[in-house]
Structure formats: structure tokens, C-alpha cells
Amino acid sequence: MRLLIILLLLPTLSWAEPARQDSNSILNTVTQFLQTQSVGLPGKVKITLGKIDDRLNLAPCSNLEAFMPYGSRIWGKTTVGVRCSVPSTWTLFVQADVRVTGNYVISAAPLARGQMLSDEQLSIAVGDLTKLPNGVITSKDQATGKIMTISIPAGTPLRSDAVQTLAAIKQGQNVRIITTGNGFEVSTEGHALNNANAGQPVQIRLINGQVITGIAKPDGSAEISN
């Protein structure tokens, strides 16, 4: 008897790895989001993103959406969220560092509380605004003519809460009141009951004791429209 031995060669089965989300598209989404959000910041913006762990196995997404988590801010060291809702649902957080290099105002000499600021008392410095105190002033125009609310040494960055606008009307002063209407204008006087900057409401007591409210004007008068 002749034995016929047939060797069967079984093909090697290769299993394809399941598709997963490309990390570069996630980083591009975050970059575009931060570029849009940082439009209008006072300076040159530089964005650096952290790496995404290659071991993550996220399902492919056809609609990536970036967002700022609650409590995060748009500049400095921050975190940006990226979520997917179609066809899978997942959320990923990416670390980012947003630097803003620009001009800011510093005191050119020691400044005392109550001092009115002039252009000569201020200087312009250049640096990373994200490392400075919140509310730093970036233009001399934002401070010139205003009053210091605190005293600071020379070379100190000037914050918006360190200055205030000189009141157009001060409490206790006599105020000229201008009442305007359709084709007429009447002028009288009263006594200011509060401080008011130009454009702010001011309460005024008239000679007869009546209290009215007007809008302070830069020249120290108050306007009432009928």
C-alpha cells in the first residue's frame, strides 16, 4: 500500500490593528483653537503644546472639538480639552504653554499715592506678559492723567487697579446742571452728593432740596436729558 502524505500549508493569519485617532490631528485642533482664542492679546503669541501619550488607544473621530476646561485661562501654563462625539465618545486633555511677549508700562520714578501721572513718569518695558501681575497696563495712554491709588518704587509694572480716573465731579462741589430737550436747554446749579467720573451718574441736590440724577461731563457739569 502506498501511502500518500499530503502536507497542508496553512496560510499565516495576520490580524490588522484596529484604527485609532491620529495624535497630530488632536494637536492641530488645539493649536488652531488657541490661535483663535488668543487673537487680540497685546503682544506676540507663542504656543507650545505638551506631548500626547503614544499608548493611548482612542477611536478615530470625525469631529474634534477643543474647549477650555472650567477655571483654565487662555495664557500661561494651561490645559485645553479635546472631545469627540462622533462616531465615538471620548475626552482628552492637552497641556499647553501660551506665552505673550509685548510692551507694558513701568514707573520711571517712585510714585506716591494720590499723584497724578504724566508721560515722563512712565516708561515702556518689553517682556513676557504672562509672568506679570494680572491687569498690567500695556500703554501709557491707559495711565496718563490718572491718579495713583498706591505708592510704588521705580521700575514697578503698573497695574490697572493701581490707578483711577480723576473725578470730573467731586462730592460737595457746586455743579452746573444742563437740562436739554427738544429745541431747548435750561441751566441751573446744585450740590453734588457723590464723586463721579465723566459718563457716570451723579446725584445732585437742588436749592429747593430736591435730589436729581445727571450724567457727569468732562468739564465738571452734569447733563439731564428729557
C-alpha atoms as a PDB file:
ATOM      1  CA  MET A   1       0.000   0.000   0.000  1.00  0.00           C
ATOM      2  CA  ARG A   2       1.314   3.269  -0.963  1.00  0.00           C
ATOM      3  CA  LEU A   3       0.827   6.000   1.470  1.00  0.00           C
ATOM      4  CA  LEU A   4       0.345   9.436   0.120  1.00  0.00           C
ATOM      5  CA  ILE A   5       1.241  12.042   2.568  1.00  0.00           C
ATOM      6  CA  ILE A   6      -0.194  15.409   1.804  1.00  0.00           C
ATOM      7  CA  LEU A   7       1.179  18.345   3.644  1.00  0.00           C
ATOM      8  CA  LEU A   8      -1.261  21.124   4.052  1.00  0.00           C
ATOM      9  CA  LEU A   9       0.337  24.515   4.364  1.00  0.00           C
ATOM     10  CA  LEU A  10      -1.916  26.726   6.370  1.00  0.00           C
ATOM     11  CA  PRO A  11      -1.672  30.393   5.471  1.00  0.00           C
ATOM     12  CA  THR A  12      -0.465  32.662   8.209  1.00  0.00           C
ATOM     13  CA  LEU A  13      -3.306  34.744   9.508  1.00  0.00           C
ATOM     14  CA  SER A  14      -2.466  38.423  10.048  1.00  0.00           C
ATOM     15  CA  TRP A  15      -4.717  40.483  12.256  1.00  0.00           C
ATOM     16  CA  ALA A  16      -4.858  44.159  11.389  1.00  0.00           C
ATOM     17  CA  GLU A  17      -4.574  46.563  14.330  1.00  0.00           C
ATOM     18  CA  PRO A  18      -7.771  48.490  14.990  1.00  0.00           C
ATOM     19  CA  ALA A  19      -7.734  52.065  13.684  1.00  0.00           C
ATOM     20  CA  ARG A  20      -7.023  54.768  16.226  1.00  0.00           C
ATOM     21  CA  GLN A  21      -7.086  58.564  16.378  1.00  0.00           C
ATOM     22  CA  ASP A  22      -4.054  60.350  14.940  1.00  0.00           C
ATOM     23  CA  SER A  23      -2.402  62.426  17.687  1.00  0.00           C
ATOM     24  CA  ASN A  24      -1.215  65.064  15.197  1.00  0.00           C
ATOM     25  CA  SER A  25      -4.786  65.971  14.298  1.00  0.00           C
ATOM     26  CA  ILE A  26      -5.550  66.428  18.004  1.00  0.00           C
ATOM     27  CA  LEU A  27      -2.560  68.750  18.431  1.00  0.00           C
ATOM     28  CA  ASN A  28      -3.532  70.696  15.304  1.00  0.00           C
ATOM     29  CA  THR A  29      -7.033  71.162  16.704  1.00  0.00           C
ATOM     30  CA  VAL A  30      -5.623  72.509  19.973  1.00  0.00           C
ATOM     31  CA  THR A  31      -3.210  74.845  18.165  1.00  0.00           C
ATOM     32  CA  GLN A  32      -5.942  76.300  15.952  1.00  0.00           C
ATOM     33  CA  PHE A  33      -8.200  76.752  18.981  1.00  0.00           C
ATOM     34  CA  LEU A  34      -5.535  78.617  20.973  1.00  0.00           C
ATOM     35  CA  GLN A  35      -4.614  80.775  17.980  1.00  0.00           C
ATOM     36  CA  THR A  36      -8.245  81.828  17.639  1.00  0.00           C
ATOM     37  CA  GLN A  37      -8.705  82.434  21.360  1.00  0.00           C
ATOM     38  CA  SER A  38      -5.508  84.491  21.631  1.00  0.00           C
ATOM     39  CA  VAL A  39      -6.448  86.957  18.885  1.00  0.00           C
ATOM     40  CA  GLY A  40      -6.425  90.420  20.431  1.00  0.00           C
ATOM     41  CA  LEU A  41      -3.888  89.673  23.153  1.00  0.00           C
ATOM     42  CA  PRO A  42      -1.458  92.611  23.463  1.00  0.00           C
ATOM     43  CA  GLY A  43       1.723  91.109  22.046  1.00  0.00           C
ATOM     44  CA  LYS A  44       3.363  88.312  20.078  1.00  0.00           C
ATOM     45  CA  VAL A  45       1.903  84.915  20.945  1.00  0.00           C
ATOM     46  CA  LYS A  46       3.948  81.700  21.086  1.00  0.00           C
ATOM     47  CA  ILE A  47       2.150  78.386  21.654  1.00  0.00           C
ATOM     48  CA  THR A  48       3.897  75.234  22.898  1.00  0.00           C
ATOM     49  CA  LEU A  49       1.948  72.006  23.369  1.00  0.00           C
ATOM     50  CA  GLY A  50       2.698  69.012  25.542  1.00  0.00           C
ATOM     51  CA  LYS A  51       3.041  65.521  24.065  1.00  0.00           C
ATOM     52  CA  ILE A  52       0.220  63.012  23.808  1.00  0.00           C
ATOM     53  CA  ASP A  53       0.936  59.569  25.244  1.00  0.00           C
ATOM     54  CA  ASP A  54       1.515  57.174  22.313  1.00  0.00           C
ATOM     55  CA  ARG A  55       0.000  54.363  24.355  1.00  0.00           C
ATOM     56  CA  LEU A  56      -3.431  55.953  24.221  1.00  0.00           C
ATOM     57  CA  ASN A  57      -5.782  53.999  22.001  1.00  0.00           C
ATOM     58  CA  LEU A  58      -8.502  56.477  21.087  1.00  0.00           C
ATOM     59  CA  ALA A  59     -11.084  55.604  18.476  1.00  0.00           C
ATOM     60  CA  PRO A  60     -10.954  57.710  15.279  1.00  0.00           C
ATOM     61  CA  CYS A  61     -13.058  60.861  15.434  1.00  0.00           C
ATOM     62  CA  SER A  62     -14.678  62.726  12.555  1.00  0.00           C
ATOM     63  CA  ASN A  63     -15.426  65.863  14.566  1.00  0.00           C
ATOM     64  CA  LEU A  64     -12.804  67.010  17.080  1.00  0.00           C
ATOM     65  CA  GLU A  65     -13.863  69.886  19.332  1.00  0.00           C
ATOM     66  CA  ALA A  66     -11.458  71.848  21.557  1.00  0.00           C
ATOM     67  CA  PHE A  67     -12.618  73.677  24.692  1.00  0.00           C
ATOM     68  CA  MET A  68     -11.262  75.424  27.774  1.00  0.00           C
ATOM     69  CA  PRO A  69     -11.944  73.472  30.993  1.00  0.00           C
ATOM     70  CA  TYR A  70     -13.590  75.401  33.804  1.00  0.00           C
ATOM     71  CA  GLY A  71     -11.054  77.557  35.636  1.00  0.00           C
ATOM     72  CA  SER A  72      -8.439  77.484  32.864  1.00  0.00           C
ATOM     73  CA  ARG A  73      -7.150  80.683  31.298  1.00  0.00           C
ATOM     74  CA  ILE A  74      -6.034  81.346  27.758  1.00  0.00           C
ATOM     75  CA  TRP A  75      -2.420  82.267  28.509  1.00  0.00           C
ATOM     76  CA  GLY A  76       0.475  80.973  30.567  1.00  0.00           C
ATOM     77  CA  LYS A  77       0.588  77.299  31.507  1.00  0.00           C
ATOM     78  CA  THR A  78      -2.885  75.994  30.821  1.00  0.00           C
ATOM     79  CA  THR A  79      -4.933  72.960  29.794  1.00  0.00           C
ATOM     80  CA  VAL A  80      -7.110  72.523  26.710  1.00  0.00           C
ATOM     81  CA  GLY A  81      -9.732  69.814  26.413  1.00  0.00           C
ATOM     82  CA  VAL A  82     -10.496  67.932  23.191  1.00  0.00           C
ATOM     83  CA  ARG A  83     -13.721  65.969  22.939  1.00  0.00           C
ATOM     84  CA  CYS A  84     -15.124  63.566  20.381  1.00  0.00           C
ATOM     85  CA  SER A  85     -18.803  62.797  19.971  1.00  0.00           C
ATOM     86  CA  VAL A  86     -18.942  61.178  16.512  1.00  0.00           C
ATOM     87  CA  PRO A  87     -18.694  58.254  15.983  1.00  0.00           C
ATOM     88  CA  SER A  88     -17.159  57.504  19.395  1.00  0.00           C
ATOM     89  CA  THR A  89     -17.275  59.440  22.645  1.00  0.00           C
ATOM     90  CA  TRP A  90     -14.076  60.379  24.458  1.00  0.00           C
ATOM     91  CA  THR A  91     -12.354  63.390  26.019  1.00  0.00           C
ATOM     92  CA  LEU A  92      -8.639  64.157  26.207  1.00  0.00           C
ATOM     93  CA  PHE A  93      -6.770  66.977  27.973  1.00  0.00           C
ATOM     94  CA  VAL A  94      -3.638  68.517  26.455  1.00  0.00           C
ATOM     95  CA  GLN A  95      -1.121  70.643  28.353  1.00  0.00           C
ATOM     96  CA  ALA A  96      -0.189  73.940  26.697  1.00  0.00           C
ATOM     97  CA  ASP A  97       2.064  76.903  27.353  1.00  0.00           C
ATOM     98  CA  VAL A  98       0.916  80.180  25.776  1.00  0.00           C
ATOM     99  CA  ARG A  99       3.478  82.980  26.021  1.00  0.00           C
ATOM    100  CA  VAL A 100       2.707  86.596  25.108  1.00  0.00           C
ATOM    101  CA  THR A 101       5.650  88.943  24.557  1.00  0.00           C
ATOM    102  CA  GLY A 102       4.703  92.607  24.444  1.00  0.00           C
ATOM    103  CA  ASN A 103       5.002  96.106  25.868  1.00  0.00           C
ATOM    104  CA  TYR A 104       3.983  97.017  29.402  1.00  0.00           C
ATOM    105  CA  VAL A 105       4.188 100.175  31.495  1.00  0.00           C
ATOM    106  CA  ILE A 106       6.544 100.589  34.460  1.00  0.00           C
ATOM    107  CA  SER A 107       7.162 103.509  36.790  1.00  0.00           C
ATOM    108  CA  ALA A 108      10.140 105.604  35.657  1.00  0.00           C
ATOM    109  CA  ALA A 109      10.468 107.029  39.182  1.00  0.00           C
ATOM    110  CA  PRO A 110       8.954 106.351  42.607  1.00  0.00           C
ATOM    111  CA  LEU A 111       5.235 107.157  42.512  1.00  0.00           C
ATOM    112  CA  ALA A 112       3.217 108.232  45.537  1.00  0.00           C
ATOM    113  CA  ARG A 113      -0.419 107.581  46.326  1.00  0.00           C
ATOM    114  CA  GLY A 114      -2.580 110.465  45.103  1.00  0.00           C
ATOM    115  CA  GLN A 115      -0.037 111.539  42.486  1.00  0.00           C
ATOM    116  CA  MET A 116      -1.326 112.421  39.015  1.00  0.00           C
ATOM    117  CA  LEU A 117       0.590 110.552  36.322  1.00  0.00           C
ATOM    118  CA  SER A 118       2.341 112.257  33.433  1.00  0.00           C
ATOM    119  CA  ASP A 119       4.060 110.723  30.418  1.00  0.00           C
ATOM    120  CA  GLU A 120       7.521 111.493  31.845  1.00  0.00           C
ATOM    121  CA  GLN A 121       6.846 109.431  34.977  1.00  0.00           C
ATOM    122  CA  LEU A 122       6.195 106.286  32.947  1.00  0.00           C
ATOM    123  CA  SER A 123       8.417 104.010  30.849  1.00  0.00           C
ATOM    124  CA  ILE A 124       7.778 101.138  28.450  1.00  0.00           C
ATOM    125  CA  ALA A 125       9.341  97.716  29.040  1.00  0.00           C
ATOM    126  CA  VAL A 126       9.139  94.565  26.902  1.00  0.00           C
ATOM    127  CA  GLY A 127       8.692  91.091  28.329  1.00  0.00           C
ATOM    128  CA  ASP A 128       6.520  88.027  28.825  1.00  0.00           C
ATOM    129  CA  LEU A 129       3.144  89.405  29.900  1.00  0.00           C
ATOM    130  CA  THR A 130       2.039  86.009  31.208  1.00  0.00           C
ATOM    131  CA  LYS A 131       4.620  86.246  34.006  1.00  0.00           C
ATOM    132  CA  LEU A 132       3.432  89.679  35.160  1.00  0.00           C
ATOM    133  CA  PRO A 133       0.625  90.504  37.622  1.00  0.00           C
ATOM    134  CA  ASN A 134      -2.931  90.390  36.315  1.00  0.00           C
ATOM    135  CA  GLY A 135      -4.207  93.679  34.922  1.00  0.00           C
ATOM    136  CA  VAL A 136      -0.802  95.063  33.930  1.00  0.00           C
ATOM    137  CA  ILE A 137      -1.134  98.248  31.839  1.00  0.00           C
ATOM    138  CA  THR A 138       0.260  97.912  28.311  1.00  0.00           C
ATOM    139  CA  SER A 139       0.060 101.514  27.056  1.00  0.00           C
ATOM    140  CA  LYS A 140       0.927 104.884  28.595  1.00  0.00           C
ATOM    141  CA  ASP A 141      -2.416 106.225  27.365  1.00  0.00           C
ATOM    142  CA  GLN A 142      -4.139 103.900  29.836  1.00  0.00           C
ATOM    143  CA  ALA A 143      -2.418 105.632  32.772  1.00  0.00           C
ATOM    144  CA  THR A 144      -1.518 109.214  31.798  1.00  0.00           C
ATOM    145  CA  GLY A 145      -3.667 111.762  33.629  1.00  0.00           C
ATOM    146  CA  LYS A 146      -4.910 109.247  36.200  1.00  0.00           C
ATOM    147  CA  ILE A 147      -4.296 109.209  39.955  1.00  0.00           C
ATOM    148  CA  MET A 148      -2.197 106.636  41.825  1.00  0.00           C
ATOM    149  CA  THR A 149      -4.129 104.664  44.445  1.00  0.00           C
ATOM    150  CA  ILE A 150      -0.945 103.177  45.977  1.00  0.00           C
ATOM    151  CA  SER A 151       2.746 104.082  46.252  1.00  0.00           C
ATOM    152  CA  ILE A 152       5.280 102.071  44.218  1.00  0.00           C
ATOM    153  CA  PRO A 153       9.066 102.215  43.675  1.00  0.00           C
ATOM    154  CA  ALA A 154      10.716 102.920  40.325  1.00  0.00           C
ATOM    155  CA  GLY A 155      10.695 100.069  37.816  1.00  0.00           C
ATOM    156  CA  THR A 156       7.440  98.527  39.070  1.00  0.00           C
ATOM    157  CA  PRO A 157       4.920  97.244  36.480  1.00  0.00           C
ATOM    158  CA  LEU A 158       1.808  99.407  36.656  1.00  0.00           C
ATOM    159  CA  ARG A 159      -1.494  97.587  37.208  1.00  0.00           C
ATOM    160  CA  SER A 160      -4.923  98.896  36.289  1.00  0.00           C
ATOM    161  CA  ASP A 161      -6.070  98.668  39.917  1.00  0.00           C
ATOM    162  CA  ALA A 162      -3.194 100.956  40.975  1.00  0.00           C
ATOM    163  CA  VAL A 163      -4.651 103.969  39.145  1.00  0.00           C
ATOM    164  CA  GLN A 164      -8.014 105.659  38.984  1.00  0.00           C
ATOM    165  CA  THR A 165      -9.555 108.329  36.807  1.00  0.00           C
ATOM    166  CA  LEU A 166      -9.664 111.829  38.241  1.00  0.00           C
ATOM    167  CA  ALA A 167     -13.267 112.558  39.182  1.00  0.00           C
ATOM    168  CA  ALA A 168     -14.965 115.050  36.868  1.00  0.00           C
ATOM    169  CA  ILE A 169     -17.281 115.962  39.753  1.00  0.00           C
ATOM    170  CA  LYS A 170     -16.343 115.725  43.420  1.00  0.00           C
ATOM    171  CA  GLN A 171     -18.709 115.268  46.324  1.00  0.00           C
ATOM    172  CA  GLY A 172     -19.635 118.610  47.874  1.00  0.00           C
ATOM    173  CA  GLN A 173     -18.823 120.838  44.915  1.00  0.00           C
ATOM    174  CA  ASN A 174     -21.318 123.109  43.193  1.00  0.00           C
ATOM    175  CA  VAL A 175     -22.400 121.663  39.871  1.00  0.00           C
ATOM    176  CA  ARG A 176     -23.839 123.375  36.826  1.00  0.00           C
ATOM    177  CA  ILE A 177     -26.815 121.331  35.642  1.00  0.00           C
ATOM    178  CA  ILE A 178     -27.794 121.419  31.988  1.00  0.00           C
ATOM    179  CA  THR A 179     -31.238 120.121  31.088  1.00  0.00           C
ATOM    180  CA  THR A 180     -31.779 119.532  27.383  1.00  0.00           C
ATOM    181  CA  GLY A 181     -34.889 118.671  25.436  1.00  0.00           C
ATOM    182  CA  ASN A 182     -36.473 119.077  22.034  1.00  0.00           C
ATOM    183  CA  GLY A 183     -35.299 122.525  20.992  1.00  0.00           C
ATOM    184  CA  PHE A 184     -34.471 123.891  24.449  1.00  0.00           C
ATOM    185  CA  GLU A 185     -31.693 123.955  27.050  1.00  0.00           C
ATOM    186  CA  VAL A 186     -32.041 125.073  30.675  1.00  0.00           C
ATOM    187  CA  SER A 187     -29.164 125.654  33.093  1.00  0.00           C
ATOM    188  CA  THR A 188     -29.271 125.660  36.896  1.00  0.00           C
ATOM    189  CA  GLU A 189     -26.990 124.752  39.805  1.00  0.00           C
ATOM    190  CA  GLY A 190     -26.927 122.205  42.586  1.00  0.00           C
ATOM    191  CA  HIS A 191     -24.739 120.452  45.154  1.00  0.00           C
ATOM    192  CA  ALA A 192     -23.004 117.138  44.234  1.00  0.00           C
ATOM    193  CA  LEU A 193     -23.728 114.289  46.649  1.00  0.00           C
ATOM    194  CA  ASN A 194     -21.102 111.862  45.266  1.00  0.00           C
ATOM    195  CA  ASN A 195     -17.929 111.666  43.187  1.00  0.00           C
ATOM    196  CA  ALA A 196     -18.393 110.845  39.513  1.00  0.00           C
ATOM    197  CA  ASN A 197     -16.097 110.327  36.554  1.00  0.00           C
ATOM    198  CA  ALA A 198     -17.107 111.569  33.119  1.00  0.00           C
ATOM    199  CA  GLY A 199     -20.029 109.481  31.874  1.00  0.00           C
ATOM    200  CA  GLN A 200     -21.027 108.253  35.333  1.00  0.00           C
ATOM    201  CA  PRO A 201     -24.254 109.152  37.159  1.00  0.00           C
ATOM    202  CA  VAL A 202     -24.086 111.852  39.819  1.00  0.00           C
ATOM    203  CA  GLN A 203     -26.734 112.760  42.379  1.00  0.00           C
ATOM    204  CA  ILE A 204     -27.309 116.487  42.851  1.00  0.00           C
ATOM    205  CA  ARG A 205     -29.317 118.326  45.489  1.00  0.00           C
ATOM    206  CA  LEU A 206     -31.074 121.408  44.134  1.00  0.00           C
ATOM    207  CA  ILE A 207     -31.633 124.629  46.071  1.00  0.00           C
ATOM    208  CA  ASN A 208     -35.219 123.566  46.853  1.00  0.00           C
ATOM    209  CA  GLY A 209     -33.954 120.297  48.397  1.00  0.00           C
ATOM    210  CA  GLN A 210     -34.971 118.043  45.504  1.00  0.00           C
ATOM    211  CA  VAL A 211     -32.412 115.359  44.569  1.00  0.00           C
ATOM    212  CA  ILE A 212     -31.949 114.590  40.880  1.00  0.00           C
ATOM    213  CA  THR A 213     -29.569 112.363  38.926  1.00  0.00           C
ATOM    214  CA  GLY A 214     -27.499 113.567  35.992  1.00  0.00           C
ATOM    215  CA  ILE A 215     -24.563 112.338  33.915  1.00  0.00           C
ATOM    216  CA  ALA A 216     -21.175 113.868  34.697  1.00  0.00           C
ATOM    217  CA  LYS A 217     -19.408 115.594  31.808  1.00  0.00           C
ATOM    218  CA  PRO A 218     -15.632 116.077  31.417  1.00  0.00           C
ATOM    219  CA  ASP A 219     -15.939 119.833  32.088  1.00  0.00           C
ATOM    220  CA  GLY A 220     -17.427 119.219  35.558  1.00  0.00           C
ATOM    221  CA  SER A 221     -21.044 119.914  34.656  1.00  0.00           C
ATOM    222  CA  ALA A 222     -23.928 117.439  34.709  1.00  0.00           C
ATOM    223  CA  GLU A 223     -26.412 116.771  31.939  1.00  0.00           C
ATOM    224  CA  ILE A 224     -30.051 115.751  32.214  1.00  0.00           C
ATOM    225  CA  SER A 225     -31.986 114.787  29.105  1.00  0.00           C
ATOM    226  CA  ASN A 226     -35.766 114.994  28.841  1.00  0.00           C
END
